[in-house]
Amino acid sequence: MTSTRSFKQKLSKVFRHWEEKRYDLALDETEELLHSWPGNAQLHVLWASLIQLQEEPTHSLADAKKALQRAIEMDENSPAGAIELGHFLDAVEDDAQAASKAFSEGIQSARRLLIDGLLGQARALLQLQKREEAVQCLMESLYLANIDHSSGPNKSASLGPDIVVREPTGRILALQLKGPFAIRIEDLLEEVFPSRSA
């Protein structure tokens, strides 16, 4: 097992080789890292990308696709593998339908990570007495959560509370949230707009 420091040093070396367009050396370094860190999904994405850049290929494009699929299986919550697979399916296999599906899955994962980050930031900003910035984060998370559930696979599942919010501008927003963020959003709304009606 190698240390995190060693991992970072080797990864920096990979990116230096990549920047200098020495893709074969970058691939060799990435393969060494994969031996020590086989469960790292991002390394599989990196490896697949480098395979496609090699001037004298030592692996097939099918190997690159398998590595991307493995990365998605290892870390379903990360958008990187699905987005890279989308690029691969579009550019290499010329399969727009499959590429669109992969991009959609990557976008959904990215959106959920962003919602989670925005809600965390809103809570931290409230603790710092920065209400206006917290409201901005909260409103953005509301918008993204609404999109996430209108495009998700289980549109009717996990119906959440009705949410009615009067923005500082006087505009009224009415939403019905579903899914994993509904309760957290509801709690933050109560804290930010304690007199709102729902």
C-alpha atoms as a PDB file:
ATOM      1  CA  MET A   1       0.000   0.000   0.000  1.00  0.00           C
ATOM      2  CA  THR A   2       1.328   3.414  -0.898  1.00  0.00           C
ATOM      3  CA  SER A   3       0.796   6.631   0.980  1.00  0.00           C
ATOM      4  CA  THR A   4      -1.475   9.450  -0.079  1.00  0.00           C
ATOM      5  CA  ARG A   5       1.572  11.668  -0.480  1.00  0.00           C
ATOM      6  CA  SER A   6       3.176   9.174  -2.869  1.00  0.00           C
ATOM      7  CA  PHE A   7      -0.125   8.937  -4.763  1.00  0.00           C
ATOM      8  CA  LYS A   8      -0.256  12.715  -5.202  1.00  0.00           C
ATOM      9  CA  GLN A   9       3.355  12.854  -6.382  1.00  0.00           C
ATOM     10  CA  LYS A  10       2.809  10.129  -8.973  1.00  0.00           C
ATOM     11  CA  LEU A  11      -0.436  11.707 -10.119  1.00  0.00           C
ATOM     12  CA  SER A  12       1.356  15.048 -10.568  1.00  0.00           C
ATOM     13  CA  LYS A  13       3.906  13.227 -12.686  1.00  0.00           C
ATOM     14  CA  VAL A  14       1.107  11.752 -14.824  1.00  0.00           C
ATOM     15  CA  PHE A  15      -0.323  15.203 -15.480  1.00  0.00           C
ATOM     16  CA  ARG A  16       3.104  16.646 -16.281  1.00  0.00           C
ATOM     17  CA  HIS A  17       3.610  13.909 -18.887  1.00  0.00           C
ATOM     18  CA  TRP A  18       0.119  14.575 -20.244  1.00  0.00           C
ATOM     19  CA  GLU A  19       0.776  18.311 -20.482  1.00  0.00           C
ATOM     20  CA  GLU A  20       4.010  17.582 -22.356  1.00  0.00           C
ATOM     21  CA  LYS A  21       2.075  15.210 -24.666  1.00  0.00           C
ATOM     22  CA  ARG A  22       4.072  12.219 -23.501  1.00  0.00           C
ATOM     23  CA  TYR A  23       0.990  10.033 -23.315  1.00  0.00           C
ATOM     24  CA  ASP A  24       2.807   6.683 -23.227  1.00  0.00           C
ATOM     25  CA  LEU A  25       4.755   7.725 -20.121  1.00  0.00           C
ATOM     26  CA  ALA A  26       1.587   9.108 -18.527  1.00  0.00           C
ATOM     27  CA  LEU A  27      -0.172   5.811 -19.221  1.00  0.00           C
ATOM     28  CA  ASP A  28       2.701   3.809 -17.678  1.00  0.00           C
ATOM     29  CA  GLU A  29       2.558   5.937 -14.523  1.00  0.00           C
ATOM     30  CA  THR A  30      -1.230   5.579 -14.371  1.00  0.00           C
ATOM     31  CA  GLU A  31      -0.953   1.808 -14.658  1.00  0.00           C
ATOM     32  CA  GLU A  32       1.488   1.797 -11.735  1.00  0.00           C
ATOM     33  CA  LEU A  33      -0.985   3.828  -9.697  1.00  0.00           C
ATOM     34  CA  LEU A  34      -3.797   1.426 -10.607  1.00  0.00           C
ATOM     35  CA  HIS A  35      -1.791  -1.490  -9.210  1.00  0.00           C
ATOM     36  CA  SER A  36      -1.627   0.265  -5.844  1.00  0.00           C
ATOM     37  CA  TRP A  37      -5.069   1.888  -5.963  1.00  0.00           C
ATOM     38  CA  PRO A  38      -7.294  -0.494  -8.016  1.00  0.00           C
ATOM     39  CA  GLY A  39     -10.508   0.825  -6.460  1.00  0.00           C
ATOM     40  CA  ASN A  40      -9.938   4.439  -7.507  1.00  0.00           C
ATOM     41  CA  ALA A  41     -12.601   5.215 -10.118  1.00  0.00           C
ATOM     42  CA  GLN A  42     -10.889   8.428 -11.236  1.00  0.00           C
ATOM     43  CA  LEU A  43      -7.740   6.479 -12.136  1.00  0.00           C
ATOM     44  CA  HIS A  44      -9.807   4.238 -14.399  1.00  0.00           C
ATOM     45  CA  VAL A  45     -11.225   7.318 -16.146  1.00  0.00           C
ATOM     46  CA  LEU A  46      -7.711   8.738 -16.506  1.00  0.00           C
ATOM     47  CA  TRP A  47      -6.392   5.412 -17.848  1.00  0.00           C
ATOM     48  CA  ALA A  48      -9.190   5.196 -20.426  1.00  0.00           C
ATOM     49  CA  SER A  49      -8.524   8.762 -21.571  1.00  0.00           C
ATOM     50  CA  LEU A  50      -4.802   8.085 -21.978  1.00  0.00           C
ATOM     51  CA  ILE A  51      -5.438   4.932 -24.012  1.00  0.00           C
ATOM     52  CA  GLN A  52      -7.272   7.077 -26.541  1.00  0.00           C
ATOM     53  CA  LEU A  53      -4.331   9.489 -26.776  1.00  0.00           C
ATOM     54  CA  GLN A  54      -1.547   6.943 -27.309  1.00  0.00           C
ATOM     55  CA  GLU A  55       0.386   7.200 -30.555  1.00  0.00           C
ATOM     56  CA  GLU A  56       1.331   3.513 -30.474  1.00  0.00           C
ATOM     57  CA  PRO A  57      -1.616   1.835 -28.744  1.00  0.00           C
ATOM     58  CA  THR A  58      -0.887  -0.923 -26.260  1.00  0.00           C
ATOM     59  CA  HIS A  59      -4.557  -1.357 -25.365  1.00  0.00           C
ATOM     60  CA  SER A  60      -7.743  -1.435 -27.440  1.00  0.00           C
ATOM     61  CA  LEU A  61     -10.543   1.091 -27.445  1.00  0.00           C
ATOM     62  CA  ALA A  62     -12.722  -1.701 -26.047  1.00  0.00           C
ATOM     63  CA  ASP A  63     -10.382  -1.723 -23.014  1.00  0.00           C
ATOM     64  CA  ALA A  64     -10.939   2.017 -22.620  1.00  0.00           C
ATOM     65  CA  LYS A  65     -14.711   1.563 -22.711  1.00  0.00           C
ATOM     66  CA  LYS A  66     -14.540  -1.227 -20.106  1.00  0.00           C
ATOM     67  CA  ALA A  67     -12.424   0.982 -17.849  1.00  0.00           C
ATOM     68  CA  LEU A  68     -15.022   3.759 -18.063  1.00  0.00           C
ATOM     69  CA  GLN A  69     -17.826   1.329 -17.288  1.00  0.00           C
ATOM     70  CA  ARG A  70     -15.801   0.001 -14.332  1.00  0.00           C
ATOM     71  CA  ALA A  71     -15.318   3.556 -13.048  1.00  0.00           C
ATOM     72  CA  ILE A  72     -19.087   4.127 -13.145  1.00  0.00           C
ATOM     73  CA  GLU A  73     -19.709   0.886 -11.241  1.00  0.00           C
ATOM     74  CA  MET A  74     -17.106   1.811  -8.610  1.00  0.00           C
ATOM     75  CA  ASP A  75     -18.431   5.299  -7.946  1.00  0.00           C
ATOM     76  CA  GLU A  76     -22.026   5.738  -9.055  1.00  0.00           C
ATOM     77  CA  ASN A  77     -22.230   9.146  -7.381  1.00  0.00           C
ATOM     78  CA  SER A  78     -19.389  10.657  -9.406  1.00  0.00           C
ATOM     79  CA  PRO A  79     -20.343  12.212 -12.739  1.00  0.00           C
ATOM     80  CA  ALA A  80     -16.858  11.904 -14.273  1.00  0.00           C
ATOM     81  CA  GLY A  81     -17.105   8.306 -15.490  1.00  0.00           C
ATOM     82  CA  ALA A  82     -20.514   8.732 -17.106  1.00  0.00           C
ATOM     83  CA  ILE A  83     -19.529  11.991 -18.799  1.00  0.00           C
ATOM     84  CA  GLU A  84     -16.292  10.497 -20.163  1.00  0.00           C
ATOM     85  CA  LEU A  85     -18.245   7.445 -21.349  1.00  0.00           C
ATOM     86  CA  GLY A  86     -20.624   9.829 -23.117  1.00  0.00           C
ATOM     87  CA  HIS A  87     -17.703  11.459 -24.945  1.00  0.00           C
ATOM     88  CA  PHE A  88     -16.334   8.024 -25.841  1.00  0.00           C
ATOM     89  CA  LEU A  89     -19.664   6.752 -27.163  1.00  0.00           C
ATOM     90  CA  ASP A  90     -20.153   9.920 -29.200  1.00  0.00           C
ATOM     91  CA  ALA A  91     -16.642  10.355 -30.624  1.00  0.00           C
ATOM     92  CA  VAL A  92     -15.390   6.767 -30.898  1.00  0.00           C
ATOM     93  CA  GLU A  93     -18.507   4.660 -31.408  1.00  0.00           C
ATOM     94  CA  ASP A  94     -20.627   7.377 -33.068  1.00  0.00           C
ATOM     95  CA  ASP A  95     -23.589   6.276 -30.951  1.00  0.00           C
ATOM     96  CA  ALA A  96     -25.472   9.462 -30.146  1.00  0.00           C
ATOM     97  CA  GLN A  97     -28.308   7.637 -28.378  1.00  0.00           C
ATOM     98  CA  ALA A  98     -26.018   5.791 -25.956  1.00  0.00           C
ATOM     99  CA  ALA A  99     -23.900   8.938 -25.514  1.00  0.00           C
ATOM    100  CA  SER A 100     -26.997  10.955 -24.619  1.00  0.00           C
ATOM    101  CA  LYS A 101     -27.975   8.377 -21.983  1.00  0.00           C
ATOM    102  CA  ALA A 102     -24.471   8.417 -20.459  1.00  0.00           C
ATOM    103  CA  PHE A 103     -24.363  12.231 -20.439  1.00  0.00           C
ATOM    104  CA  SER A 104     -27.804  12.318 -18.819  1.00  0.00           C
ATOM    105  CA  GLU A 105     -26.628  10.018 -16.010  1.00  0.00           C
ATOM    106  CA  GLY A 106     -23.498  12.132 -15.511  1.00  0.00           C
ATOM    107  CA  ILE A 107     -25.504  15.340 -15.437  1.00  0.00           C
ATOM    108  CA  GLN A 108     -27.918  13.910 -12.889  1.00  0.00           C
ATOM    109  CA  SER A 109     -25.027  12.854 -10.618  1.00  0.00           C
ATOM    110  CA  ALA A 110     -23.379  16.268 -10.992  1.00  0.00           C
ATOM    111  CA  ARG A 111     -26.649  18.041 -10.222  1.00  0.00           C
ATOM    112  CA  ARG A 112     -27.138  16.022  -7.035  1.00  0.00           C
ATOM    113  CA  LEU A 113     -23.593  16.769  -5.878  1.00  0.00           C
ATOM    114  CA  LEU A 114     -24.186  20.460  -6.552  1.00  0.00           C
ATOM    115  CA  ILE A 115     -27.482  20.452  -4.634  1.00  0.00           C
ATOM    116  CA  ASP A 116     -25.764  18.783  -1.685  1.00  0.00           C
ATOM    117  CA  GLY A 117     -22.971  21.371  -1.767  1.00  0.00           C
ATOM    118  CA  LEU A 118     -25.371  24.301  -2.070  1.00  0.00           C
ATOM    119  CA  LEU A 119     -27.425  23.104   0.908  1.00  0.00           C
ATOM    120  CA  GLY A 120     -24.289  22.675   2.994  1.00  0.00           C
ATOM    121  CA  GLN A 121     -23.094  26.132   1.966  1.00  0.00           C
ATOM    122  CA  ALA A 122     -26.484  27.670   2.794  1.00  0.00           C
ATOM    123  CA  ARG A 123     -26.402  26.164   6.289  1.00  0.00           C
ATOM    124  CA  ALA A 124     -22.819  27.384   6.866  1.00  0.00           C
ATOM    125  CA  LEU A 125     -23.682  30.873   5.614  1.00  0.00           C
ATOM    126  CA  LEU A 126     -26.663  31.036   7.970  1.00  0.00           C
ATOM    127  CA  GLN A 127     -24.357  30.192  10.864  1.00  0.00           C
ATOM    128  CA  LEU A 128     -22.098  33.046   9.731  1.00  0.00           C
ATOM    129  CA  GLN A 129     -25.122  35.412   9.713  1.00  0.00           C
ATOM    130  CA  LYS A 130     -24.904  35.824   5.915  1.00  0.00           C
ATOM    131  CA  ARG A 131     -28.591  35.414   5.192  1.00  0.00           C
ATOM    132  CA  GLU A 132     -28.632  36.958   1.701  1.00  0.00           C
ATOM    133  CA  GLU A 133     -25.896  34.614   0.408  1.00  0.00           C
ATOM    134  CA  ALA A 134     -27.612  31.667   2.118  1.00  0.00           C
ATOM    135  CA  VAL A 135     -30.880  32.527   0.377  1.00  0.00           C
ATOM    136  CA  GLN A 136     -29.087  32.572  -2.990  1.00  0.00           C
ATOM    137  CA  CYS A 137     -27.667  29.083  -2.360  1.00  0.00           C
ATOM    138  CA  LEU A 138     -31.042  27.844  -1.166  1.00  0.00           C
ATOM    139  CA  MET A 139     -32.902  29.249  -4.184  1.00  0.00           C
ATOM    140  CA  GLU A 140     -30.382  27.678  -6.550  1.00  0.00           C
ATOM    141  CA  SER A 141     -30.739  24.326  -4.790  1.00  0.00           C
ATOM    142  CA  LEU A 142     -34.547  24.599  -5.031  1.00  0.00           C
ATOM    143  CA  TYR A 143     -34.298  25.211  -8.761  1.00  0.00           C
ATOM    144  CA  LEU A 144     -31.887  22.297  -9.291  1.00  0.00           C
ATOM    145  CA  ALA A 145     -33.879  19.927  -7.066  1.00  0.00           C
ATOM    146  CA  ASN A 146     -37.004  20.728  -9.066  1.00  0.00           C
ATOM    147  CA  ILE A 147     -35.186  19.962 -12.352  1.00  0.00           C
ATOM    148  CA  ASP A 148     -33.642  16.819 -10.900  1.00  0.00           C
ATOM    149  CA  HIS A 149     -37.015  15.353 -10.028  1.00  0.00           C
ATOM    150  CA  SER A 150     -38.808  16.396 -13.186  1.00  0.00           C
ATOM    151  CA  SER A 151     -36.158  14.526 -15.207  1.00  0.00           C
ATOM    152  CA  GLY A 152     -35.537  11.575 -12.869  1.00  0.00           C
ATOM    153  CA  PRO A 153     -36.672   7.984 -13.418  1.00  0.00           C
ATOM    154  CA  ASN A 154     -39.226   7.880 -10.545  1.00  0.00           C
ATOM    155  CA  LYS A 155     -41.181  11.058 -11.158  1.00  0.00           C
ATOM    156  CA  SER A 156     -44.056  10.007  -8.901  1.00  0.00           C
ATOM    157  CA  ALA A 157     -41.991   8.483  -6.067  1.00  0.00           C
ATOM    158  CA  SER A 158     -41.099  10.131  -2.752  1.00  0.00           C
ATOM    159  CA  LEU A 159     -43.542  13.001  -2.966  1.00  0.00           C
ATOM    160  CA  GLY A 160     -42.377  15.717  -0.609  1.00  0.00           C
ATOM    161  CA  PRO A 161     -43.996  18.728   0.981  1.00  0.00           C
ATOM    162  CA  ASP A 162     -45.581  21.613  -0.894  1.00  0.00           C
ATOM    163  CA  ILE A 163     -43.246  24.565  -0.671  1.00  0.00           C
ATOM    164  CA  VAL A 164     -44.415  28.142  -1.056  1.00  0.00           C
ATOM    165  CA  VAL A 165     -41.819  30.887  -0.793  1.00  0.00           C
ATOM    166  CA  ARG A 166     -42.119  34.639  -1.210  1.00  0.00           C
ATOM    167  CA  GLU A 167     -38.779  35.932  -2.484  1.00  0.00           C
ATOM    168  CA  PRO A 168     -37.477  39.291  -1.224  1.00  0.00           C
ATOM    169  CA  THR A 169     -38.549  40.734  -4.600  1.00  0.00           C
ATOM    170  CA  GLY A 170     -42.164  39.780  -3.809  1.00  0.00           C
ATOM    171  CA  ARG A 171     -42.324  36.953  -6.350  1.00  0.00           C
ATOM    172  CA  ILE A 172     -43.998  33.799  -5.026  1.00  0.00           C
ATOM    173  CA  LEU A 173     -42.554  30.384  -5.804  1.00  0.00           C
ATOM    174  CA  ALA A 174     -44.634  27.251  -5.359  1.00  0.00           C
ATOM    175  CA  LEU A 175     -42.960  23.858  -5.701  1.00  0.00           C
ATOM    176  CA  GLN A 176     -43.516  20.317  -4.644  1.00  0.00           C
ATOM    177  CA  LEU A 177     -40.232  18.667  -3.791  1.00  0.00           C
ATOM    178  CA  LYS A 178     -39.459  14.980  -3.930  1.00  0.00           C
ATOM    179  CA  GLY A 179     -36.457  12.896  -3.194  1.00  0.00           C
ATOM    180  CA  PRO A 180     -33.455  12.926  -0.899  1.00  0.00           C
ATOM    181  CA  PHE A 181     -33.130  16.694  -0.507  1.00  0.00           C
ATOM    182  CA  ALA A 182     -36.764  17.600   0.246  1.00  0.00           C
ATOM    183  CA  ILE A 183     -36.455  17.448   4.046  1.00  0.00           C
ATOM    184  CA  ARG A 184     -33.145  19.355   4.153  1.00  0.00           C
ATOM    185  CA  ILE A 185     -34.540  22.055   1.871  1.00  0.00           C
ATOM    186  CA  GLU A 186     -37.721  22.286   3.947  1.00  0.00           C
ATOM    187  CA  ASP A 187     -35.677  22.690   7.149  1.00  0.00           C
ATOM    188  CA  LEU A 188     -33.536  25.442   5.634  1.00  0.00           C
ATOM    189  CA  LEU A 189     -36.609  27.213   4.262  1.00  0.00           C
ATOM    190  CA  GLU A 190     -38.130  27.235   7.749  1.00  0.00           C
ATOM    191  CA  GLU A 191     -34.937  28.787   9.076  1.00  0.00           C
ATOM    192  CA  VAL A 192     -34.634  31.409   6.311  1.00  0.00           C
ATOM    193  CA  PHE A 193     -38.349  32.201   5.892  1.00  0.00           C
ATOM    194  CA  PRO A 194     -39.931  31.403   9.283  1.00  0.00           C
ATOM    195  CA  SER A 195     -43.170  33.237   8.488  1.00  0.00           C
ATOM    196  CA  ARG A 196     -43.804  31.623   5.103  1.00  0.00           C
ATOM    197  CA  SER A 197     -46.969  29.654   4.443  1.00  0.00           C
ATOM    198  CA  ALA A 198     -46.837  26.049   3.182  1.00  0.00           C
END
